[in-house]
Amino acid sequence: MHEIAVNIGWVFVFTFVGALTGIILIMCALAFLPRIIDKLTPNIDEEKEIIRGNQAVAEYFGRVVAAGIIGISIVIAAAVLGGIIACFMP
């Protein structure tokens, strides 16, 4: 019984650390992904185009940034799940 309680404690630790790491990585992704897209498209100023009402640029920019964030979220979820599973393995 004591071993189960210890394992459950480790699950909470891994989940908490994984959540904090995930939050930090998502915040970094939110900061750096738009800059990366700006560097990949040097002839287009996305901010000015969005302000001018260019829907195509706004949708492209939003979808690329969203796809990057979703990809990072999937990796973080897999890492957290791996840590949780590792706690229950003998």
N, C-alpha and C. Protein backbone atom coordinates (compact mmCIF):
# COMPACT_ATOMS: atom_id res chain seq x y z
N MET A 1 0.83 -1.20 0.00
CA MET A 1 0.00 0.00 0.00
C MET A 1 0.87 1.26 0.00
N HIS A 2 1.97 1.21 0.74
CA HIS A 2 2.87 2.36 0.80
C HIS A 2 3.48 2.65 -0.57
N GLU A 3 3.78 1.61 -1.32
CA GLU A 3 4.38 1.78 -2.65
C GLU A 3 3.40 2.47 -3.60
N ILE A 4 2.13 2.14 -3.49
CA ILE A 4 1.12 2.79 -4.34
C ILE A 4 1.02 4.27 -4.02
N ALA A 5 1.05 4.61 -2.75
CA ALA A 5 0.98 6.01 -2.36
C ALA A 5 2.20 6.79 -2.87
N VAL A 6 3.36 6.17 -2.81
CA VAL A 6 4.58 6.81 -3.32
C VAL A 6 4.47 7.01 -4.83
N ASN A 7 3.98 5.99 -5.54
CA ASN A 7 3.81 6.11 -6.99
C ASN A 7 2.82 7.22 -7.35
N ILE A 8 1.73 7.31 -6.62
CA ILE A 8 0.76 8.37 -6.88
C ILE A 8 1.38 9.74 -6.60
N GLY A 9 2.19 9.83 -5.56
CA GLY A 9 2.91 11.08 -5.28
C GLY A 9 3.82 11.47 -6.44
N TRP A 10 4.53 10.49 -6.98
CA TRP A 10 5.41 10.77 -8.12
C TRP A 10 4.61 11.17 -9.36
N VAL A 11 3.43 10.60 -9.52
CA VAL A 11 2.58 10.99 -10.64
C VAL A 11 2.25 12.48 -10.54
N PHE A 12 1.89 12.93 -9.34
CA PHE A 12 1.60 14.35 -9.17
C PHE A 12 2.83 15.21 -9.43
N VAL A 13 3.98 14.76 -8.99
CA VAL A 13 5.22 15.51 -9.23
C VAL A 13 5.49 15.61 -10.72
N PHE A 14 5.45 14.47 -11.43
CA PHE A 14 5.71 14.48 -12.86
C PHE A 14 4.69 15.33 -13.61
N THR A 15 3.44 15.24 -13.21
CA THR A 15 2.40 16.03 -13.87
C THR A 15 2.61 17.52 -13.64
N PHE A 16 2.93 17.90 -12.42
CA PHE A 16 3.15 19.31 -12.10
C PHE A 16 4.37 19.85 -12.84
N VAL A 17 5.47 19.11 -12.82
CA VAL A 17 6.68 19.56 -13.52
C VAL A 17 6.43 19.60 -15.03
N GLY A 18 5.73 18.61 -15.55
CA GLY A 18 5.40 18.61 -16.97
C GLY A 18 4.51 19.77 -17.35
N ALA A 19 3.56 20.09 -16.49
CA ALA A 19 2.67 21.22 -16.77
C ALA A 19 3.44 22.54 -16.77
N LEU A 20 4.33 22.72 -15.80
CA LEU A 20 5.14 23.94 -15.77
C LEU A 20 6.05 24.04 -16.99
N THR A 21 6.67 22.93 -17.34
CA THR A 21 7.52 22.91 -18.53
C THR A 21 6.70 23.21 -19.77
N GLY A 22 5.52 22.64 -19.85
CA GLY A 22 4.64 22.90 -20.98
C GLY A 22 4.25 24.35 -21.09
N ILE A 23 3.91 24.97 -19.98
CA ILE A 23 3.54 26.38 -19.98
C ILE A 23 4.70 27.24 -20.46
N ILE A 24 5.89 26.93 -19.98
CA ILE A 24 7.07 27.70 -20.39
C ILE A 24 7.34 27.52 -21.87
N LEU A 25 7.25 26.28 -22.37
CA LEU A 25 7.50 26.04 -23.79
C LEU A 25 6.45 26.69 -24.68
N ILE A 26 5.20 26.66 -24.27
CA ILE A 26 4.15 27.31 -25.06
C ILE A 26 4.35 28.83 -25.08
N MET A 27 4.73 29.41 -23.95
CA MET A 27 4.99 30.85 -23.93
C MET A 27 6.16 31.20 -24.84
N CYS A 28 7.20 30.37 -24.84
CA CYS A 28 8.33 30.60 -25.75
C CYS A 28 7.89 30.46 -27.20
N ALA A 29 7.05 29.48 -27.47
CA ALA A 29 6.56 29.29 -28.84
C ALA A 29 5.74 30.50 -29.27
N LEU A 30 4.91 31.03 -28.37
CA LEU A 30 4.12 32.22 -28.70
C LEU A 30 5.02 33.42 -28.98
N ALA A 31 6.18 33.47 -28.33
CA ALA A 31 7.09 34.59 -28.54
C ALA A 31 7.91 34.44 -29.81
N PHE A 32 8.33 33.20 -30.13
CA PHE A 32 9.29 33.02 -31.21
C PHE A 32 8.68 32.61 -32.55
N LEU A 33 7.55 31.93 -32.57
CA LEU A 33 6.98 31.49 -33.84
C LEU A 33 6.65 32.64 -34.79
N PRO A 34 6.03 33.72 -34.33
CA PRO A 34 5.79 34.83 -35.28
C PRO A 34 7.09 35.42 -35.84
N ARG A 35 8.13 35.46 -35.03
CA ARG A 35 9.41 35.97 -35.51
C ARG A 35 10.01 35.04 -36.57
N ILE A 36 9.87 33.76 -36.35
CA ILE A 36 10.39 32.79 -37.32
C ILE A 36 9.64 32.92 -38.64
N ILE A 37 8.33 33.09 -38.57
CA ILE A 37 7.54 33.25 -39.80
C ILE A 37 7.94 34.55 -40.50
N ASP A 38 8.20 35.61 -39.75
CA ASP A 38 8.65 36.86 -40.36
C ASP A 38 9.98 36.67 -41.09
N LYS A 39 10.88 35.88 -40.52
CA LYS A 39 12.17 35.64 -41.17
C LYS A 39 12.02 34.74 -42.40
N LEU A 40 11.04 33.82 -42.38
CA LEU A 40 10.84 32.94 -43.52
C LEU A 40 10.14 33.65 -44.68
N THR A 41 9.44 34.73 -44.40
CA THR A 41 8.77 35.50 -45.45
C THR A 41 9.27 36.94 -45.40
N PRO A 42 10.50 37.19 -45.89
CA PRO A 42 11.08 38.54 -45.74
C PRO A 42 10.39 39.61 -46.57
N ASN A 43 9.72 39.24 -47.65
CA ASN A 43 9.11 40.25 -48.51
C ASN A 43 7.69 40.62 -48.09
N ILE A 44 7.17 39.95 -47.08
CA ILE A 44 5.80 40.23 -46.63
C ILE A 44 5.85 40.68 -45.18
N ASP A 45 5.26 41.83 -44.91
CA ASP A 45 5.13 42.31 -43.53
C ASP A 45 3.73 41.91 -43.06
N GLU A 46 3.68 40.81 -42.32
CA GLU A 46 2.38 40.25 -41.93
C GLU A 46 1.56 41.22 -41.10
N GLU A 47 2.22 41.94 -40.18
CA GLU A 47 1.47 42.85 -39.32
C GLU A 47 0.78 43.95 -40.13
N LYS A 48 1.51 44.54 -41.09
CA LYS A 48 0.90 45.59 -41.91
C LYS A 48 -0.22 45.04 -42.78
N GLU A 49 -0.02 43.84 -43.30
CA GLU A 49 -1.06 43.23 -44.15
C GLU A 49 -2.31 42.91 -43.33
N ILE A 50 -2.13 42.44 -42.10
CA ILE A 50 -3.29 42.14 -41.25
C ILE A 50 -4.01 43.43 -40.89
N ILE A 51 -3.25 44.50 -40.59
CA ILE A 51 -3.87 45.79 -40.27
C ILE A 51 -4.64 46.33 -41.47
N ARG A 52 -4.11 46.11 -42.68
CA ARG A 52 -4.81 46.56 -43.90
C ARG A 52 -6.04 45.73 -44.20
N GLY A 53 -6.22 44.61 -43.51
CA GLY A 53 -7.41 43.80 -43.71
C GLY A 53 -7.23 42.64 -44.66
N ASN A 54 -6.00 42.26 -44.94
CA ASN A 54 -5.72 41.15 -45.85
C ASN A 54 -6.04 39.83 -45.13
N GLN A 55 -7.17 39.25 -45.45
CA GLN A 55 -7.63 38.03 -44.78
C GLN A 55 -6.75 36.83 -45.08
N ALA A 56 -6.20 36.76 -46.29
CA ALA A 56 -5.37 35.61 -46.67
C ALA A 56 -4.12 35.54 -45.79
N VAL A 57 -3.47 36.67 -45.60
CA VAL A 57 -2.27 36.70 -44.77
C VAL A 57 -2.63 36.40 -43.31
N ALA A 58 -3.74 36.95 -42.85
CA ALA A 58 -4.16 36.71 -41.47
C ALA A 58 -4.44 35.23 -41.24
N GLU A 59 -5.13 34.59 -42.17
CA GLU A 59 -5.44 33.16 -42.01
C GLU A 59 -4.18 32.31 -42.09
N TYR A 60 -3.30 32.63 -43.05
CA TYR A 60 -2.04 31.88 -43.18
C TYR A 60 -1.22 32.00 -41.91
N PHE A 61 -1.04 33.23 -41.46
CA PHE A 61 -0.23 33.49 -40.27
C PHE A 61 -0.82 32.79 -39.06
N GLY A 62 -2.11 32.91 -38.87
CA GLY A 62 -2.77 32.28 -37.73
C GLY A 62 -2.69 30.77 -37.76
N ARG A 63 -2.87 30.19 -38.94
CA ARG A 63 -2.83 28.73 -39.04
C ARG A 63 -1.44 28.18 -38.82
N VAL A 64 -0.42 28.86 -39.33
CA VAL A 64 0.95 28.37 -39.14
C VAL A 64 1.35 28.45 -37.67
N VAL A 65 1.04 29.56 -37.03
CA VAL A 65 1.36 29.71 -35.61
C VAL A 65 0.57 28.69 -34.78
N ALA A 66 -0.70 28.51 -35.09
CA ALA A 66 -1.52 27.54 -34.36
C ALA A 66 -1.00 26.12 -34.55
N ALA A 67 -0.58 25.78 -35.76
CA ALA A 67 -0.05 24.44 -36.02
C ALA A 67 1.23 24.20 -35.22
N GLY A 68 2.07 25.21 -35.13
CA GLY A 68 3.29 25.08 -34.34
C GLY A 68 2.99 24.87 -32.86
N ILE A 69 2.05 25.61 -32.35
CA ILE A 69 1.69 25.49 -30.94
C ILE A 69 1.04 24.14 -30.66
N ILE A 70 0.19 23.67 -31.56
CA ILE A 70 -0.43 22.35 -31.38
C ILE A 70 0.63 21.26 -31.42
N GLY A 71 1.59 21.39 -32.32
CA GLY A 71 2.67 20.40 -32.39
C GLY A 71 3.48 20.34 -31.11
N ILE A 72 3.82 21.49 -30.57
CA ILE A 72 4.56 21.53 -29.31
C ILE A 72 3.71 20.96 -28.18
N SER A 73 2.42 21.24 -28.19
CA SER A 73 1.52 20.71 -27.15
C SER A 73 1.45 19.19 -27.20
N ILE A 74 1.45 18.62 -28.39
CA ILE A 74 1.41 17.15 -28.51
C ILE A 74 2.69 16.54 -27.95
N VAL A 75 3.82 17.14 -28.22
CA VAL A 75 5.09 16.64 -27.69
C VAL A 75 5.11 16.73 -26.17
N ILE A 76 4.62 17.83 -25.62
CA ILE A 76 4.58 18.00 -24.17
C ILE A 76 3.64 16.98 -23.54
N ALA A 77 2.49 16.76 -24.15
CA ALA A 77 1.53 15.79 -23.62
C ALA A 77 2.13 14.38 -23.63
N ALA A 78 2.86 14.04 -24.67
CA ALA A 78 3.49 12.73 -24.73
C ALA A 78 4.55 12.58 -23.65
N ALA A 79 5.30 13.65 -23.39
CA ALA A 79 6.32 13.60 -22.35
C ALA A 79 5.71 13.45 -20.96
N VAL A 80 4.63 14.19 -20.71
CA VAL A 80 3.96 14.09 -19.41
C VAL A 80 3.36 12.69 -19.24
N LEU A 81 2.72 12.19 -20.28
CA LEU A 81 2.14 10.85 -20.21
C LEU A 81 3.22 9.79 -20.00
N GLY A 82 4.36 9.95 -20.65
CA GLY A 82 5.46 9.02 -20.45
C GLY A 82 5.95 9.03 -19.02
N GLY A 83 6.00 10.21 -18.41
CA GLY A 83 6.41 10.31 -17.00
C GLY A 83 5.40 9.66 -16.08
N ILE A 84 4.13 9.82 -16.38
CA ILE A 84 3.08 9.21 -15.55
C ILE A 84 3.14 7.69 -15.68
N ILE A 85 3.30 7.20 -16.89
CA ILE A 85 3.38 5.75 -17.09
C ILE A 85 4.61 5.18 -16.41
N ALA A 86 5.72 5.92 -16.46
CA ALA A 86 6.95 5.44 -15.83
C ALA A 86 6.80 5.30 -14.32
N CYS A 87 5.94 6.13 -13.72
CA CYS A 87 5.72 6.03 -12.27
C CYS A 87 5.03 4.75 -11.88
N PHE A 88 4.20 4.22 -12.74
CA PHE A 88 3.45 3.02 -12.39
C PHE A 88 4.13 1.73 -12.79
N MET A 89 5.25 1.84 -13.51
CA MET A 89 5.97 0.64 -13.89
C MET A 89 6.85 0.17 -12.71
N PRO A 90 6.84 -1.11 -12.44
CA PRO A 90 7.65 -1.59 -11.31
C PRO A 90 9.13 -1.60 -11.61
